[in-house]
C-alpha cells in the first residue's frame, strides 16, 4: 500500500501537491514541480523519500519524508514534510496507517519523527496527538532566498 514513488506517479502526485498548496493559507501562491523533489531523492536517497499511498494501482495520496540527524535527540529524525490524501479518501485511516508504517519501516534507523501541521488544521492536530506527537516549544521559522 505504501511505496516509494515511481516516475509514472508524478502527474498524480503533482495534482495532489497543487491541491494541498491551494488549500493551505501558508502555501497559497506557491508553485513547485514535484519532479524536482523526485529527481533529488533519486540522485541523493540519503536526503529523503517521496512515498505514495497506492490503492489498487491508484495514487490515493503522497508523503515526503526528510532524513536529518538531531544532536538534541541523539539520532536520526524523520521529518514528515508533506502529507496529502486525495479528498475522497480523507477521514479514513490512511494517515494513521502511514504513521504506523513509517514507524515500522524505519524502526532501526530513526529515534523519532517530526511533523508540521498548519495552525488551522485542527483535525490533523488531533490525529497527531492521538498518534503520540506532541507540540514542542520551539517555533519553526524559515527564510527563503529571494529570486530576481
Protein backbone atom coordinates (compact mmCIF):
# COMPACT_ATOMS: atom_id res chain seq x y z
CA UNK A 1 0.00 0.00 0.00
CA UNK A 2 2.86 2.43 0.81
CA UNK A 3 5.84 2.52 -1.52
CA UNK A 4 8.41 4.84 -3.00
CA UNK A 5 7.06 6.89 -5.86
CA UNK A 6 7.74 5.93 -9.44
CA UNK A 7 8.14 8.38 -12.29
CA UNK A 8 4.74 7.28 -13.61
CA UNK A 9 3.16 8.50 -10.34
CA UNK A 10 4.36 12.09 -10.74
CA UNK A 11 1.33 13.53 -12.61
CA UNK A 12 -0.98 12.18 -9.88
CA UNK A 13 1.27 13.46 -7.12
CA UNK A 14 1.58 16.88 -8.77
CA UNK A 15 -2.21 17.22 -8.81
CA UNK A 16 -2.30 16.50 -5.07
CA UNK A 17 0.59 18.90 -4.41
CA UNK A 18 -1.28 21.65 -6.26
CA UNK A 19 -4.44 20.95 -4.24
CA UNK A 20 -2.53 20.94 -0.95
CA UNK A 21 -0.79 24.22 -1.69
CA UNK A 22 -4.03 25.87 -2.84
CA UNK A 23 -5.91 24.80 0.32
CA UNK A 24 -3.25 25.83 2.85
CA UNK A 25 -3.01 29.57 3.60
CA UNK A 26 0.69 29.07 4.37
CA UNK A 27 1.44 27.88 0.84
CA UNK A 28 -1.18 29.68 -1.27
CA UNK A 29 0.53 31.27 -4.24
CA UNK A 30 3.48 28.88 -4.13
CA UNK A 31 4.07 26.56 -7.03
CA UNK A 32 6.51 23.73 -7.24
CA UNK A 33 7.39 20.91 -9.57
CA UNK A 34 7.35 17.65 -7.61
CA UNK A 35 9.55 16.15 -10.33
CA UNK A 36 12.47 18.17 -8.88
CA UNK A 37 11.94 16.50 -5.50
CA UNK A 38 11.66 13.09 -7.14
CA UNK A 39 14.92 13.59 -9.08
CA UNK A 40 16.72 14.96 -6.00
CA UNK A 41 15.78 11.88 -3.98
CA UNK A 42 16.70 9.57 -6.86
CA UNK A 43 20.15 11.19 -7.01
CA UNK A 44 20.59 11.54 -3.23
CA UNK A 45 18.47 8.88 -1.47
CA UNK A 46 20.03 9.74 1.90
CA UNK A 47 18.12 13.06 1.82
CA UNK A 48 14.60 11.66 1.80
CA UNK A 49 11.86 9.76 0.06
CA UNK A 50 8.72 10.53 -1.89
CA UNK A 51 6.16 7.94 -0.83
CA UNK A 52 2.78 7.20 -2.39
CA UNK A 53 -0.31 5.55 -0.95
CA UNK A 54 -1.14 3.02 -3.64
CA UNK A 55 -4.66 1.59 -3.63
CA UNK A 56 -5.02 -0.96 -6.40
CA UNK A 57 -2.77 0.99 -8.76
CA UNK A 58 -4.29 4.37 -7.93
CA UNK A 59 -2.35 7.07 -6.08
CA UNK A 60 -4.56 7.90 -3.10
CA UNK A 61 -2.03 10.25 -1.53
CA UNK A 62 1.60 11.06 -1.07
CA UNK A 63 4.10 11.83 1.66
CA UNK A 64 7.51 13.47 1.58
CA UNK A 65 9.93 12.47 4.30
CA UNK A 66 13.27 14.12 5.00
CA UNK A 67 16.07 12.46 6.96
CA UNK A 68 18.16 14.50 9.37
CA UNK A 69 20.45 13.95 12.33
CA UNK A 70 19.41 15.60 15.58
CA UNK A 71 22.06 16.26 18.18
CA UNK A 72 19.27 17.23 20.57
CA UNK A 73 17.52 13.86 20.30
CA UNK A 74 20.67 11.80 19.72
CA UNK A 75 19.90 10.21 16.39
CA UNK A 76 18.16 10.32 13.05
CA UNK A 77 14.81 12.06 12.96
CA UNK A 78 12.43 11.69 10.05
CA UNK A 79 10.67 14.91 9.21
CA UNK A 80 7.30 14.32 7.60
CA UNK A 81 7.48 17.34 5.32
CA UNK A 82 4.17 16.88 3.50
CA UNK A 83 1.23 14.53 3.64
CA UNK A 84 -1.69 14.86 1.28
CA UNK A 85 -4.52 12.41 0.87
CA UNK A 86 -6.96 12.61 -2.03
CA UNK A 87 -10.15 14.39 -0.93
CA UNK A 88 -12.34 11.32 -1.43
CA UNK A 89 -10.00 9.27 0.83
CA UNK A 90 -9.76 11.76 3.71
CA UNK A 91 -11.25 10.92 7.09
CA UNK A 92 -10.25 7.29 6.59
CA UNK A 93 -7.42 5.52 8.37
CA UNK A 94 -4.80 6.28 5.69
CA UNK A 95 -2.84 8.85 7.73
CA UNK A 96 -2.81 6.57 10.78
CA UNK A 97 -1.73 3.63 8.64
CA UNK A 98 1.05 5.76 7.12
CA UNK A 99 2.46 6.80 10.50
CA UNK A 100 2.33 3.19 11.71
CA UNK A 101 4.06 2.04 8.51
CA UNK A 102 6.78 4.70 8.84
CA UNK A 103 7.44 3.69 12.44
CA UNK A 104 7.78 0.06 11.45
CA UNK A 105 9.71 0.74 8.22
CA UNK A 106 12.29 2.95 9.95
CA UNK A 107 12.32 1.38 13.42
CA UNK A 108 16.06 0.65 13.22
CA UNK A 109 17.03 3.99 11.66
CA UNK A 110 15.13 6.76 13.46
CA UNK A 111 14.85 7.95 17.05
CA UNK A 112 11.71 9.88 16.20
CA UNK A 113 9.54 11.75 13.76
CA UNK A 114 8.73 15.41 13.35
CA UNK A 115 5.64 16.79 11.70
CA UNK A 116 4.48 20.28 10.78
CA UNK A 117 0.76 20.94 10.78
CA UNK A 118 -0.91 24.13 9.65
CA UNK A 119 -2.26 26.11 12.60
CA UNK A 120 -5.80 25.98 11.21
CA UNK A 121 -5.86 22.20 10.59
CA UNK A 122 -7.38 21.08 13.90
CA UNK A 123 -8.35 17.64 12.61
CA UNK A 124 -4.72 16.86 11.71
CA UNK A 125 -3.52 18.24 15.05
CA UNK A 126 -5.96 15.99 16.93
CA UNK A 127 -4.92 12.96 14.91
CA UNK A 128 -1.23 13.69 15.50
CA UNK A 129 -1.82 13.87 19.26
CA UNK A 130 -3.66 10.54 19.16
CA UNK A 131 -0.66 9.05 17.34
CA UNK A 132 1.74 10.22 20.04
CA UNK A 133 3.02 13.51 18.61
CA UNK A 134 3.29 16.47 20.94
CA UNK A 135 3.99 20.15 20.44
CA UNK A 136 7.49 21.44 21.06
CA UNK A 137 8.25 24.84 22.46
CA UNK A 138 10.45 25.82 19.54
CA UNK A 139 8.85 27.83 16.76
CA UNK A 140 9.58 26.78 13.20
CA UNK A 141 10.80 29.71 11.11
CA UNK A 142 12.09 29.93 7.56
CA UNK A 143 13.96 32.40 5.38
CA UNK A 144 13.64 31.86 1.64
CA UNK A 145 16.29 33.22 -0.68
CA UNK A 146 14.85 35.96 -2.83
CA UNK A 147 14.94 35.39 -6.56
CA UNK A 148 15.07 38.11 -9.11
